[in-house]
Amino acid sequence: MPKVTSYLPDTPSGTDFSTIDANKAVAFYGSLFGRSEDSPKRGTHSFYHIQRIDRQSIAGVAQRDEEQISSNIPHVGTFILL
């Protein structure tokens, strides 16, 4: 995978999502794509995991809270450089 050092405007530059088991998702995607992780950051309702490749932020993974789980609405976001 080539290393990206800059992005043109309107280019997707990262992603994040929430899941019912963030620790399993972090382990899975970490091994699949060779990502490392910073210590999870405490958010409003849960921890937010930032995954990196070569110290560059690539993705974020959040634990779904009880309200999100009961609503069964998935959350996936894509960061786009404007």
C-alpha atoms as a PDB file:
ATOM      1  CA  MET A   1       0.000   0.000   0.000  1.00  0.00           C
ATOM      2  CA  PRO A   2       1.576   3.332  -0.991  1.00  0.00           C
ATOM      3  CA  LYS A   3       2.105   5.957   1.699  1.00  0.00           C
ATOM      4  CA  VAL A   4      -0.094   9.014   1.181  1.00  0.00           C
ATOM      5  CA  THR A   5       1.489  12.267   2.316  1.00  0.00           C
ATOM      6  CA  SER A   6      -1.098  14.752   1.027  1.00  0.00           C
ATOM      7  CA  TYR A   7      -4.647  14.763  -0.274  1.00  0.00           C
ATOM      8  CA  LEU A   8      -6.333  16.703  -3.037  1.00  0.00           C
ATOM      9  CA  PRO A   9      -9.530  18.546  -2.040  1.00  0.00           C
ATOM     10  CA  ASP A  10     -12.627  16.292  -1.846  1.00  0.00           C
ATOM     11  CA  THR A  11     -10.513  13.166  -1.356  1.00  0.00           C
ATOM     12  CA  PRO A  12     -11.495  10.552   1.253  1.00  0.00           C
ATOM     13  CA  SER A  13      -8.741  10.528   3.853  1.00  0.00           C
ATOM     14  CA  GLY A  14      -9.926   8.240   6.657  1.00  0.00           C
ATOM     15  CA  THR A  15     -12.837   6.416   8.213  1.00  0.00           C
ATOM     16  CA  ASP A  16     -14.414   5.641  11.534  1.00  0.00           C
ATOM     17  CA  PHE A  17     -17.188   3.390  12.748  1.00  0.00           C
ATOM     18  CA  SER A  18     -18.873   2.170  15.893  1.00  0.00           C
ATOM     19  CA  THR A  19     -19.377  -1.456  16.817  1.00  0.00           C
ATOM     20  CA  ILE A  20     -20.764  -3.562  19.662  1.00  0.00           C
ATOM     21  CA  ASP A  21     -17.255  -4.910  20.411  1.00  0.00           C
ATOM     22  CA  ALA A  22     -14.586  -2.296  19.684  1.00  0.00           C
ATOM     23  CA  ASN A  23     -11.761  -4.387  21.137  1.00  0.00           C
ATOM     24  CA  LYS A  24     -12.478  -7.276  18.747  1.00  0.00           C
ATOM     25  CA  ALA A  25     -12.781  -4.881  15.794  1.00  0.00           C
ATOM     26  CA  VAL A  26      -9.472  -3.200  16.688  1.00  0.00           C
ATOM     27  CA  ALA A  27      -7.748  -6.599  16.919  1.00  0.00           C
ATOM     28  CA  PHE A  28      -9.297  -7.827  13.646  1.00  0.00           C
ATOM     29  CA  TYR A  29      -8.520  -4.762  11.518  1.00  0.00           C
ATOM     30  CA  GLY A  30      -5.146  -4.361  13.193  1.00  0.00           C
ATOM     31  CA  SER A  31      -4.080  -7.839  12.116  1.00  0.00           C
ATOM     32  CA  LEU A  32      -5.772  -7.612   8.700  1.00  0.00           C
ATOM     33  CA  PHE A  33      -4.177  -4.298   7.671  1.00  0.00           C
ATOM     34  CA  GLY A  34      -1.128  -4.154   9.954  1.00  0.00           C
ATOM     35  CA  ARG A  35      -2.465  -1.253  12.002  1.00  0.00           C
ATOM     36  CA  SER A  36      -1.141  -0.182  15.360  1.00  0.00           C
ATOM     37  CA  GLU A  37      -3.163   1.632  17.972  1.00  0.00           C
ATOM     38  CA  ASP A  38      -2.668   4.494  20.376  1.00  0.00           C
ATOM     39  CA  SER A  39      -4.100   4.093  23.849  1.00  0.00           C
ATOM     40  CA  PRO A  40      -7.876   4.443  23.512  1.00  0.00           C
ATOM     41  CA  LYS A  41      -9.178   7.932  24.288  1.00  0.00           C
ATOM     42  CA  ARG A  42     -12.095   8.297  26.668  1.00  0.00           C
ATOM     43  CA  GLY A  43     -15.059   9.861  24.868  1.00  0.00           C
ATOM     44  CA  THR A  44     -18.414  11.045  26.161  1.00  0.00           C
ATOM     45  CA  HIS A  45     -19.911   7.556  26.397  1.00  0.00           C
ATOM     46  CA  SER A  46     -17.073   5.154  25.607  1.00  0.00           C
ATOM     47  CA  PHE A  47     -13.523   4.771  24.375  1.00  0.00           C
ATOM     48  CA  TYR A  48     -12.394   5.850  20.914  1.00  0.00           C
ATOM     49  CA  HIS A  49      -9.579   3.849  19.344  1.00  0.00           C
ATOM     50  CA  ILE A  50      -7.317   5.526  16.768  1.00  0.00           C
ATOM     51  CA  GLN A  51      -5.585   3.098  14.440  1.00  0.00           C
ATOM     52  CA  ARG A  52      -2.389   4.009  12.623  1.00  0.00           C
ATOM     53  CA  ILE A  53      -0.092   2.734   9.907  1.00  0.00           C
ATOM     54  CA  ASP A  54       3.455   4.110  10.100  1.00  0.00           C
ATOM     55  CA  ARG A  55       2.297   6.626  12.755  1.00  0.00           C
ATOM     56  CA  GLN A  56      -0.300   8.066  10.341  1.00  0.00           C
ATOM     57  CA  SER A  57      -3.928   8.077  11.566  1.00  0.00           C
ATOM     58  CA  ILE A  58      -5.949   5.752   9.357  1.00  0.00           C
ATOM     59  CA  ALA A  59      -9.178   4.892  11.164  1.00  0.00           C
ATOM     60  CA  GLY A  60     -11.184   5.328  14.324  1.00  0.00           C
ATOM     61  CA  VAL A  61     -13.218   2.692  16.133  1.00  0.00           C
ATOM     62  CA  ALA A  62     -15.778   3.473  18.843  1.00  0.00           C
ATOM     63  CA  GLN A  63     -17.722   1.231  21.201  1.00  0.00           C
ATOM     64  CA  ARG A  64     -21.470   1.570  20.625  1.00  0.00           C
ATOM     65  CA  ASP A  65     -23.383   2.701  23.701  1.00  0.00           C
ATOM     66  CA  GLU A  66     -26.638   1.096  24.890  1.00  0.00           C
ATOM     67  CA  GLU A  67     -28.835   3.584  23.000  1.00  0.00           C
ATOM     68  CA  GLN A  68     -26.982   2.963  19.740  1.00  0.00           C
ATOM     69  CA  ILE A  69     -27.185  -0.803  20.231  1.00  0.00           C
ATOM     70  CA  SER A  70     -30.940  -0.744  20.933  1.00  0.00           C
ATOM     71  CA  SER A  71     -31.641   1.502  17.917  1.00  0.00           C
ATOM     72  CA  ASN A  72     -29.694  -0.925  15.690  1.00  0.00           C
ATOM     73  CA  ILE A  73     -28.508   1.978  13.510  1.00  0.00           C
ATOM     74  CA  PRO A  74     -24.946   1.457  12.284  1.00  0.00           C
ATOM     75  CA  HIS A  75     -22.439   4.279  12.225  1.00  0.00           C
ATOM     76  CA  VAL A  76     -19.758   4.481   9.562  1.00  0.00           C
ATOM     77  CA  GLY A  77     -18.086   7.763   8.674  1.00  0.00           C
ATOM     78  CA  THR A  78     -15.659   8.818   5.995  1.00  0.00           C
ATOM     79  CA  PHE A  79     -13.393  11.829   6.433  1.00  0.00           C
ATOM     80  CA  ILE A  80     -13.077  13.966   3.320  1.00  0.00           C
ATOM     81  CA  LEU A  81     -10.524  16.719   2.992  1.00  0.00           C
ATOM     82  CA  LEU A  82     -12.187  19.939   1.884  1.00  0.00           C
END
